[in-house]
């Protein structure tokens, strides 16, 4: 089976087992592979502008805040901004710090009519390690995938 098909099938199986309201859940390496090999795949970073600036970003990722720092207030324009930037035929790969906000964003995207929506599990920084640091155990950075300092 072709790698892209296998990844999408695995992501769909995760979604079914977790009864997600969108098409699938991807690991960071799977999401990276799709950005390189699946036409129409768009990585959307839904973290706050402060996180982009101080933690780092994935080159080429579309950035639309789901919540705004400080206070992590919801961005009431999130769905409108997404629709203004990405067509409904796109394959959306939504990523945040740890996979929680991107899950919320995936639900909103699906509700807005996107039919190919995937949450990137683990997010950009992943879980905290024993020293309470992120980016070492799980997440985009820990997998050694491309990123740059903001």
Protein backbone atom coordinates (compact mmCIF):
# COMPACT_ATOMS: atom_id res chain seq x y z
CA UNK A 1 0.00 0.00 0.00
CA UNK A 2 1.26 3.47 -0.84
CA UNK A 3 2.60 5.44 2.18
CA UNK A 4 0.18 8.36 1.85
CA UNK A 5 -2.81 6.00 1.71
CA UNK A 6 -1.53 4.05 4.69
CA UNK A 7 -1.07 7.21 6.77
CA UNK A 8 -4.56 8.48 5.95
CA UNK A 9 -6.08 5.08 6.71
CA UNK A 10 -4.29 4.89 10.07
CA UNK A 11 -5.39 8.45 10.91
CA UNK A 12 -9.00 7.56 10.06
CA UNK A 13 -8.82 4.46 12.27
CA UNK A 14 -7.63 6.64 15.18
CA UNK A 15 -10.54 9.01 14.58
CA UNK A 16 -13.05 6.15 14.51
CA UNK A 17 -11.69 4.57 17.69
CA UNK A 18 -11.86 7.93 19.49
CA UNK A 19 -15.17 8.95 17.89
CA UNK A 20 -13.70 12.21 16.62
CA UNK A 21 -15.84 14.75 14.77
CA UNK A 22 -13.27 15.03 11.97
CA UNK A 23 -11.39 12.74 9.59
CA UNK A 24 -8.31 11.72 11.51
CA UNK A 25 -5.43 12.10 13.93
CA UNK A 26 -1.79 12.13 12.79
CA UNK A 27 1.56 11.81 14.49
CA UNK A 28 3.98 14.64 13.73
CA UNK A 29 6.09 12.48 11.36
CA UNK A 30 2.92 11.45 9.50
CA UNK A 31 1.82 15.09 9.20
CA UNK A 32 5.26 16.10 7.93
CA UNK A 33 5.19 13.32 5.34
CA UNK A 34 1.79 14.48 4.11
CA UNK A 35 2.95 18.08 3.78
CA UNK A 36 5.69 16.81 1.49
CA UNK A 37 3.73 14.22 -0.52
CA UNK A 38 -0.01 14.99 -0.52
CA UNK A 39 -1.25 17.68 -2.87
CA UNK A 40 -3.56 20.10 -1.08
CA UNK A 41 -2.16 19.38 2.40
CA UNK A 42 -1.86 22.54 4.50
CA UNK A 43 -0.27 22.58 7.95
CA UNK A 44 -2.14 25.13 10.06
CA UNK A 45 -0.48 26.22 13.30
CA UNK A 46 -3.23 27.40 15.67
CA UNK A 47 -0.96 28.42 18.56
CA UNK A 48 -0.79 32.04 19.72
CA UNK A 49 1.42 34.67 18.09
CA UNK A 50 3.49 34.73 21.30
CA UNK A 51 4.22 31.01 20.89
CA UNK A 52 5.20 31.49 17.25
CA UNK A 53 7.56 34.30 18.21
CA UNK A 54 9.16 32.82 21.31
CA UNK A 55 8.96 29.03 20.83
CA UNK A 56 9.39 28.58 17.09
CA UNK A 57 7.48 27.74 13.93
CA UNK A 58 7.35 25.18 11.15
CA UNK A 59 8.55 26.77 7.90
CA UNK A 60 5.68 27.17 5.46
CA UNK A 61 2.91 26.53 8.00
CA UNK A 62 -0.13 28.76 7.83
CA UNK A 63 -0.58 30.55 11.15
CA UNK A 64 -4.06 31.34 12.48
CA UNK A 65 -4.51 31.84 16.22
CA UNK A 66 -7.27 29.82 17.85
CA UNK A 67 -6.68 31.61 21.17
CA UNK A 68 -4.79 34.83 21.85
CA UNK A 69 -2.12 35.45 24.49
CA UNK A 70 -2.34 36.71 27.20
CA UNK A 71 -5.37 35.08 28.73
CA UNK A 72 -5.86 32.62 25.86
CA UNK A 73 -9.08 34.31 24.84
CA UNK A 74 -10.83 32.64 21.87
CA UNK A 75 -10.25 34.21 18.47
CA UNK A 76 -13.82 34.90 17.29
CA UNK A 77 -12.53 35.23 13.72
CA UNK A 78 -10.82 31.83 13.60
CA UNK A 79 -13.26 30.12 11.23
CA UNK A 80 -13.54 33.19 8.99
CA UNK A 81 -9.76 33.57 8.84
CA UNK A 82 -9.36 29.89 8.01
CA UNK A 83 -11.96 30.10 5.25
CA UNK A 84 -10.31 33.25 3.89
CA UNK A 85 -6.92 31.52 3.71
CA UNK A 86 -7.69 27.92 2.71
CA UNK A 87 -10.26 26.45 0.34
CA UNK A 88 -12.66 23.80 1.57
CA UNK A 89 -10.99 21.22 -0.70
CA UNK A 90 -7.71 21.46 1.26
CA UNK A 91 -6.42 18.72 3.52
CA UNK A 92 -6.09 20.55 6.85
CA UNK A 93 -3.40 19.38 9.27
CA UNK A 94 -4.02 21.34 12.47
CA UNK A 95 -1.27 21.71 15.07
CA UNK A 96 -0.91 23.48 18.41
CA UNK A 97 1.48 23.06 21.35
CA UNK A 98 0.32 19.61 22.51
CA UNK A 99 -2.68 18.55 20.40
CA UNK A 100 -5.48 19.93 22.59
CA UNK A 101 -6.23 23.29 20.93
CA UNK A 102 -5.73 21.73 17.50
CA UNK A 103 -8.42 19.18 18.38
CA UNK A 104 -10.74 22.11 19.15
CA UNK A 105 -9.70 23.78 15.88
CA UNK A 106 -10.35 20.53 13.97
CA UNK A 107 -13.88 20.36 15.37
CA UNK A 108 -14.47 23.98 14.31
CA UNK A 109 -13.03 23.36 10.83
CA UNK A 110 -15.24 20.33 10.32
CA UNK A 111 -18.26 22.33 11.50
CA UNK A 112 -17.31 25.05 8.98
CA UNK A 113 -17.59 22.53 6.15
CA UNK A 114 -14.05 21.27 5.69
CA UNK A 115 -14.20 17.56 4.90
CA UNK A 116 -10.53 16.59 5.12
CA UNK A 117 -9.50 17.65 8.64
CA UNK A 118 -6.73 16.07 10.73
CA UNK A 119 -5.39 16.86 14.19
CA UNK A 120 -1.63 16.59 14.70
CA UNK A 121 -1.26 14.61 17.92
CA UNK A 122 1.49 15.71 20.33
CA UNK A 123 1.59 19.18 18.71
CA UNK A 124 4.69 21.29 18.27
CA UNK A 125 6.19 20.79 21.74
CA UNK A 126 4.44 17.71 23.14
CA UNK A 127 4.34 16.58 26.74
CA UNK A 128 6.46 17.85 29.63
CA UNK A 129 9.46 15.78 30.67
CA UNK A 130 10.64 15.11 34.24
CA UNK A 131 12.07 18.63 34.47
CA UNK A 132 8.77 20.15 33.29
CA UNK A 133 10.26 21.03 29.86
CA UNK A 134 8.42 20.52 26.59
CA UNK A 135 9.97 19.62 23.24
CA UNK A 136 12.08 16.71 24.46
CA UNK A 137 9.71 13.72 24.73
CA UNK A 138 7.00 14.12 22.12
CA UNK A 139 5.88 16.64 19.54
CA UNK A 140 7.15 18.04 16.26
CA UNK A 141 10.41 19.32 17.77
CA UNK A 142 11.23 16.09 19.64
CA UNK A 143 10.79 14.11 16.40
CA UNK A 144 13.51 16.26 14.82
CA UNK A 145 11.20 17.66 12.14
CA UNK A 146 11.92 21.02 10.46
CA UNK A 147 11.34 24.14 12.53
CA UNK A 148 12.93 27.52 13.08
CA UNK A 149 13.13 29.87 16.03
CA UNK A 150 10.50 32.62 15.81
